[in-house]
Amino acid sequence: MPRYAQLVMGPAGSGKSTYCSTMTQHAETIGRSVQVVNLDPAAEHFEYPVMADIRELIQVDDVMEDNSLRFGPNGGLVFCMEYFTNNFDWLEECLGHVEDDYILFDCPGQIELYTHLPVMKQLVEKLQQWEFRVCGVFLVDSQFMVETFKFISGVMAALSAMVSLEIPQVNIMTKMDLLNHKAKKEIERYLDPDMYSMMEDSGLSLRSKRFKKLTKAICGLIDDYSMVRFLPFDRTDEEGMNIVLQHIDFSIQYGEDLEFKEPKEPEEEPTNANYDEFFQDKLNG
């Protein structure tokens, strides 16, 4: 049987660890087993139990304090992640070989890991070798997405990860529970955006014709191909969390293998006389 994985990505402060904590609690509520792996070597604290923590392998602070390396925070994190890719056997040992695993990978927030560095792509390929069906979950903070320019930047970051990793991706606006009623109404148009009308309504004024043309081209790409859409994530809304989980499950075909059962023996075809009784028995299991 396959195994399942969510790569939880997004900029620093977008709510990745909170998402993992909330989703594990929600899964427990609905009777599902979900594990979490921390892949951020600079993480300080999180509110979920982990089945594996990259800090047991390597930590950013140790790298930065090494006099022979002399890395800053970003260079140290890149070094840690490259070290991680050379030690995938550590992760394989932590994960074991349990069928039907469902694991959330809490990833670092540095965008370069998803743009021009091969680290996350290598992780995806390794997970697929281990029979995981992988979905990218890209988070953006809804509080910073209510202006068109910021929204376009967030969309481009999500699109960059999507193109780089080449896996199904679900994009989520987090921290909806922190918005007031008015802000929630305003942000609805950003969840499934009409990019052309958004540019006109917002009165985007770019002095340079060249950049105005580029911005329109980017908006057209997003709009014409329906490449990026967002789901709202409110950690206080169980129904909303269930909708998010259903979208992700669908993208990795979770549960499809569990639904098929080989019949033990051929069943008798019902006659017209006992069809109602036969159908009722089927409904009752």
Protein backbone atom coordinates (compact mmCIF):
# COMPACT_ATOMS: atom_id res chain seq x y z
CA MET A 1 0.00 0.00 0.00
CA PRO A 2 1.18 3.57 -0.65
CA ARG A 3 2.19 6.06 2.01
CA TYR A 4 1.16 9.71 2.08
CA ALA A 5 2.99 12.96 2.74
CA GLN A 6 2.31 16.68 2.91
CA LEU A 7 5.24 19.04 2.40
CA VAL A 8 4.14 22.05 4.45
CA MET A 9 5.87 25.07 2.89
CA GLY A 10 5.61 28.84 2.94
CA PRO A 11 7.47 31.98 4.01
CA ALA A 12 8.71 32.43 7.56
CA GLY A 13 5.81 33.36 9.83
CA SER A 14 3.12 31.99 7.52
CA GLY A 15 1.94 29.51 10.17
CA LYS A 16 3.50 26.21 9.09
CA SER A 17 4.06 24.81 12.58
CA THR A 18 0.64 26.02 13.70
CA TYR A 19 -0.90 24.32 10.67
CA CYS A 20 0.84 21.04 11.53
CA SER A 21 -0.24 21.24 15.16
CA THR A 22 -3.85 22.11 14.28
CA MET A 23 -4.11 19.47 11.57
CA THR A 24 -2.79 16.68 13.81
CA GLN A 25 -5.37 17.63 16.46
CA HIS A 26 -8.11 17.69 13.81
CA ALA A 27 -7.04 14.29 12.48
CA GLU A 28 -7.19 12.87 15.99
CA THR A 29 -10.70 14.27 16.37
CA ILE A 30 -11.92 12.48 13.25
CA GLY A 31 -10.11 9.25 14.12
CA ARG A 32 -7.11 9.44 11.78
CA SER A 33 -3.45 8.90 12.52
CA VAL A 34 -1.19 11.71 11.31
CA GLN A 35 2.49 12.09 12.22
CA VAL A 36 4.75 15.16 11.94
CA VAL A 37 8.42 15.46 10.96
CA ASN A 38 10.24 18.72 11.68
CA LEU A 39 12.60 19.60 8.82
CA ASP A 40 13.48 23.11 10.03
CA PRO A 41 16.95 23.02 11.64
CA ALA A 42 16.38 26.56 12.96
CA ALA A 43 13.08 25.80 14.71
CA GLU A 44 12.91 26.94 18.31
CA HIS A 45 9.65 25.44 19.52
CA PHE A 46 6.46 23.88 18.19
CA GLU A 47 3.26 22.55 19.68
CA TYR A 48 3.14 19.03 18.28
CA PRO A 49 4.84 15.73 19.02
CA VAL A 50 7.35 14.72 16.34
CA MET A 51 8.24 11.32 14.99
CA ALA A 52 11.53 12.80 13.70
CA ASP A 53 13.34 16.11 14.25
CA ILE A 54 16.12 17.26 11.90
CA ARG A 55 17.74 19.05 14.85
CA GLU A 56 18.78 15.64 16.11
CA LEU A 57 20.86 15.38 12.93
CA ILE A 58 22.09 18.97 12.61
CA GLN A 59 21.23 22.42 13.99
CA VAL A 60 21.72 25.89 12.52
CA ASP A 61 23.25 27.24 15.75
CA ASP A 62 25.98 24.59 15.71
CA VAL A 63 26.82 25.44 12.10
CA MET A 64 26.93 29.18 12.78
CA GLU A 65 29.18 28.70 15.80
CA ASP A 66 31.68 26.62 13.83
CA ASN A 67 34.73 28.86 13.29
CA SER A 68 35.79 26.96 10.18
CA LEU A 69 32.44 27.59 8.43
CA ARG A 70 31.46 31.09 9.61
CA PHE A 71 27.98 31.02 8.12
CA GLY A 72 25.21 33.50 8.81
CA PRO A 73 21.60 32.40 9.46
CA ASN A 74 20.65 31.81 5.80
CA GLY A 75 23.97 30.25 4.80
CA GLY A 76 23.82 28.06 7.88
CA LEU A 77 20.33 26.83 7.02
CA VAL A 78 21.32 26.03 3.43
CA PHE A 79 24.35 24.12 4.74
CA CYS A 80 22.10 22.16 7.13
CA MET A 81 19.66 21.22 4.38
CA GLU A 82 22.44 20.14 2.03
CA TYR A 83 23.88 18.05 4.84
CA PHE A 84 20.41 16.57 5.29
CA THR A 85 20.23 15.53 1.61
CA ASN A 86 23.50 13.65 2.06
CA ASN A 87 22.01 11.78 5.02
CA PHE A 88 18.59 10.68 3.81
CA ASP A 89 19.28 7.32 5.45
CA TRP A 90 18.71 9.07 8.80
CA LEU A 91 15.21 10.07 7.69
CA GLU A 92 14.48 6.64 6.24
CA GLU A 93 15.40 5.02 9.55
CA CYS A 94 13.17 7.46 11.47
CA LEU A 95 10.20 6.88 9.16
CA GLY A 96 10.49 3.11 9.11
CA HIS A 97 8.46 1.15 6.59
CA VAL A 98 4.90 1.34 7.88
CA GLU A 99 2.24 1.04 5.20
CA ASP A 100 -0.49 3.69 4.94
CA ASP A 101 1.63 6.28 6.84
CA TYR A 102 0.33 9.85 6.67
CA ILE A 103 3.07 12.33 7.52
CA LEU A 104 3.29 16.12 7.59
CA PHE A 105 6.77 17.51 6.88
CA ASP A 106 7.18 20.92 8.54
CA CYS A 107 9.65 22.58 6.15
CA PRO A 108 11.89 25.67 6.48
CA GLY A 109 10.63 29.00 5.16
CA GLN A 110 13.59 30.16 3.05
CA ILE A 111 12.33 30.59 -0.51
CA GLU A 112 15.66 29.67 -2.09
CA LEU A 113 15.09 26.06 -1.04
CA TYR A 114 12.21 25.94 -3.53
CA THR A 115 13.58 28.11 -6.33
CA HIS A 116 17.21 27.58 -7.35
CA LEU A 117 18.44 24.94 -4.86
CA PRO A 118 17.74 21.22 -5.48
CA VAL A 119 17.25 20.32 -1.80
CA MET A 120 13.45 20.00 -1.67
CA LYS A 121 13.25 18.44 -5.12
CA GLN A 122 15.70 15.76 -3.97
CA LEU A 123 13.56 15.16 -0.87
CA VAL A 124 10.44 14.73 -3.01
CA GLU A 125 12.20 12.23 -5.27
CA LYS A 126 13.46 10.26 -2.26
CA LEU A 127 10.00 10.15 -0.67
CA GLN A 128 8.53 8.92 -3.95
CA GLN A 129 11.17 6.17 -4.01
CA TRP A 130 9.90 5.18 -0.57
CA GLU A 131 6.39 4.86 -2.06
CA PHE A 132 5.03 8.12 -0.67
CA ARG A 133 2.40 10.06 -2.58
CA VAL A 134 3.45 13.64 -1.96
CA CYS A 135 1.41 16.83 -1.97
CA GLY A 136 2.83 20.32 -1.52
CA VAL A 137 0.90 22.52 0.91
CA PHE A 138 1.94 26.15 0.42
CA LEU A 139 0.88 28.60 3.11
CA VAL A 140 0.60 32.37 2.93
CA ASP A 141 -0.49 34.70 5.73
CA SER A 142 -3.92 36.14 4.93
CA GLN A 143 -3.09 39.30 6.89
CA PHE A 144 -0.56 40.28 4.23
CA MET A 145 -2.58 39.28 1.18
CA VAL A 146 -5.25 41.97 1.11
CA GLU A 147 -3.38 44.24 -1.30
CA THR A 148 -2.97 43.36 -4.96
CA PHE A 149 0.80 43.83 -5.10
CA LYS A 150 1.34 41.62 -2.04
CA PHE A 151 -1.10 39.08 -3.39
CA ILE A 152 0.78 38.82 -6.70
CA SER A 153 4.05 38.32 -4.79
CA GLY A 154 2.48 35.54 -2.74
CA VAL A 155 1.08 33.91 -5.85
CA MET A 156 4.49 33.98 -7.55
CA ALA A 157 6.12 32.36 -4.51
CA ALA A 158 3.51 29.59 -4.54
CA LEU A 159 3.88 29.17 -8.29
CA SER A 160 7.67 28.95 -7.96
CA ALA A 161 7.38 26.04 -5.52
CA MET A 162 4.80 24.34 -7.75
CA VAL A 163 7.01 24.54 -10.84
CA SER A 164 10.16 23.51 -8.96
CA LEU A 165 8.78 20.44 -7.19
CA GLU A 166 6.39 19.14 -9.89
CA ILE A 167 3.93 17.64 -7.42
CA PRO A 168 0.25 18.34 -6.70
CA GLN A 169 -0.02 21.51 -4.62
CA VAL A 170 -2.75 22.98 -2.45
CA ASN A 171 -2.35 26.67 -1.58
CA ILE A 172 -3.75 27.95 1.70
CA MET A 173 -4.38 31.34 3.28
CA THR A 174 -3.69 30.93 6.97
CA LYS A 175 -4.65 32.90 10.08
CA MET A 176 -8.17 33.61 8.83
CA ASP A 177 -9.27 33.43 12.47
CA LEU A 178 -7.23 36.59 13.16
CA LEU A 179 -9.11 38.70 10.61
CA ASN A 180 -12.13 40.81 11.50
CA HIS A 181 -15.41 40.36 9.63
CA LYS A 182 -14.71 43.17 7.17
CA ALA A 183 -11.24 41.84 6.29
CA LYS A 184 -12.64 38.33 5.78
CA LYS A 185 -15.18 39.70 3.28
CA GLU A 186 -12.45 41.63 1.45
CA ILE A 187 -10.15 38.64 1.18
CA GLU A 188 -12.79 36.39 -0.40
CA ARG A 189 -11.98 37.77 -3.84
CA TYR A 190 -8.35 36.72 -3.40
CA LEU A 191 -9.21 33.07 -2.78
CA ASP A 192 -10.37 32.46 -6.36
CA PRO A 193 -9.16 35.63 -8.05
CA ASP A 194 -10.09 37.23 -11.34
CA MET A 195 -6.68 38.75 -11.98
CA TYR A 196 -7.74 41.08 -14.79
CA SER A 197 -10.57 42.73 -12.88
CA MET A 198 -8.42 42.81 -9.76
CA MET A 199 -5.82 44.91 -11.56
CA GLU A 200 -8.47 47.35 -12.76
CA ASP A 201 -10.31 47.59 -9.44
CA SER A 202 -7.19 48.15 -7.40
CA GLY A 203 -6.06 51.00 -9.65
CA LEU A 204 -2.55 49.64 -10.11
CA SER A 205 -0.44 52.57 -11.22
CA LEU A 206 2.98 51.70 -12.56
CA ARG A 207 5.05 54.52 -13.96
CA SER A 208 7.06 52.24 -16.21
CA LYS A 209 5.09 50.92 -19.17
CA ARG A 210 7.45 47.97 -19.36
CA PHE A 211 6.72 46.85 -15.79
CA LYS A 212 3.02 47.48 -16.23
CA LYS A 213 3.08 45.18 -19.26
CA LEU A 214 5.03 42.56 -17.28
CA THR A 215 2.57 42.70 -14.39
CA LYS A 216 -0.36 42.26 -16.77
CA ALA A 217 1.40 39.30 -18.40
CA ILE A 218 1.94 37.65 -15.00
CA CYS A 219 -1.68 38.23 -14.02
CA GLY A 220 -2.80 36.86 -17.39
CA LEU A 221 -0.72 33.70 -16.92
CA ILE A 222 -2.22 33.08 -13.50
CA ASP A 223 -5.77 33.82 -14.66
CA ASP A 224 -5.79 32.09 -18.06
CA TYR A 225 -4.41 28.80 -16.79
CA SER A 226 -6.09 28.83 -13.35
CA MET A 227 -2.69 28.02 -11.91
CA VAL A 228 -3.05 29.29 -8.34
CA ARG A 229 -6.08 29.22 -6.10
CA PHE A 230 -6.26 29.46 -2.30
CA LEU A 231 -8.26 27.74 0.41
CA PRO A 232 -9.00 29.62 3.66
CA PHE A 233 -7.63 28.07 6.85
CA ASP A 234 -9.24 29.01 10.15
CA ARG A 235 -7.86 26.94 13.01
CA THR A 236 -11.12 27.41 14.96
CA ASP A 237 -13.32 26.04 12.15
CA GLU A 238 -13.42 22.22 12.14
CA GLU A 239 -15.55 22.10 8.99
CA GLY A 240 -13.15 24.40 7.15
CA MET A 241 -10.17 22.28 8.20
CA ASN A 242 -11.96 19.20 6.97
CA ILE A 243 -12.47 20.83 3.55
CA VAL A 244 -8.74 21.61 3.35
CA LEU A 245 -7.87 18.04 4.30
CA GLN A 246 -10.30 16.65 1.71
CA HIS A 247 -8.65 18.70 -1.05
CA ILE A 248 -5.22 17.40 -0.07
CA ASP A 249 -6.45 13.81 0.29
CA PHE A 250 -7.99 13.99 -3.16
CA SER A 251 -4.74 15.24 -4.71
CA ILE A 252 -2.78 12.26 -3.34
CA GLN A 253 -5.66 9.78 -3.70
CA TYR A 254 -5.74 9.02 0.00
CA GLY A 255 -8.13 6.24 0.89
CA GLU A 256 -8.77 4.97 -2.63
CA ASP A 257 -6.84 1.78 -1.97
CA LEU A 258 -8.73 1.25 1.27
CA GLU A 259 -12.14 1.36 -0.40
CA PHE A 260 -11.65 -1.64 -2.68
CA LYS A 261 -12.24 -5.04 -1.12
CA GLU A 262 -11.96 -8.34 -2.95
CA PRO A 263 -15.22 -10.27 -2.50
CA LYS A 264 -14.78 -13.62 -0.79
CA GLU A 265 -17.21 -15.38 -3.10
CA PRO A 266 -19.67 -14.45 -5.86
CA GLU A 267 -22.97 -13.25 -4.51
CA GLU A 268 -26.34 -14.37 -5.81
CA GLU A 269 -28.07 -12.05 -8.22
CA PRO A 270 -31.31 -10.89 -6.57
CA THR A 271 -34.66 -11.68 -8.13
CA ASN A 272 -37.34 -9.06 -8.55
CA ALA A 273 -39.23 -10.56 -5.62
CA ASN A 274 -36.46 -10.07 -3.10
CA TYR A 275 -34.68 -7.06 -4.66
CA ASP A 276 -35.86 -4.58 -2.00
CA GLU A 277 -34.69 -6.86 0.80
CA PHE A 278 -31.32 -7.42 -0.94
CA PHE A 279 -30.77 -3.66 -1.43
CA GLN A 280 -31.66 -2.90 2.18
CA ASP A 281 -29.16 -5.54 3.37
CA LYS A 282 -26.48 -3.85 1.24
CA LEU A 283 -27.22 -0.45 2.79
CA ASN A 284 -27.01 -1.96 6.27
CA GLY A 285 -23.62 -3.48 5.40
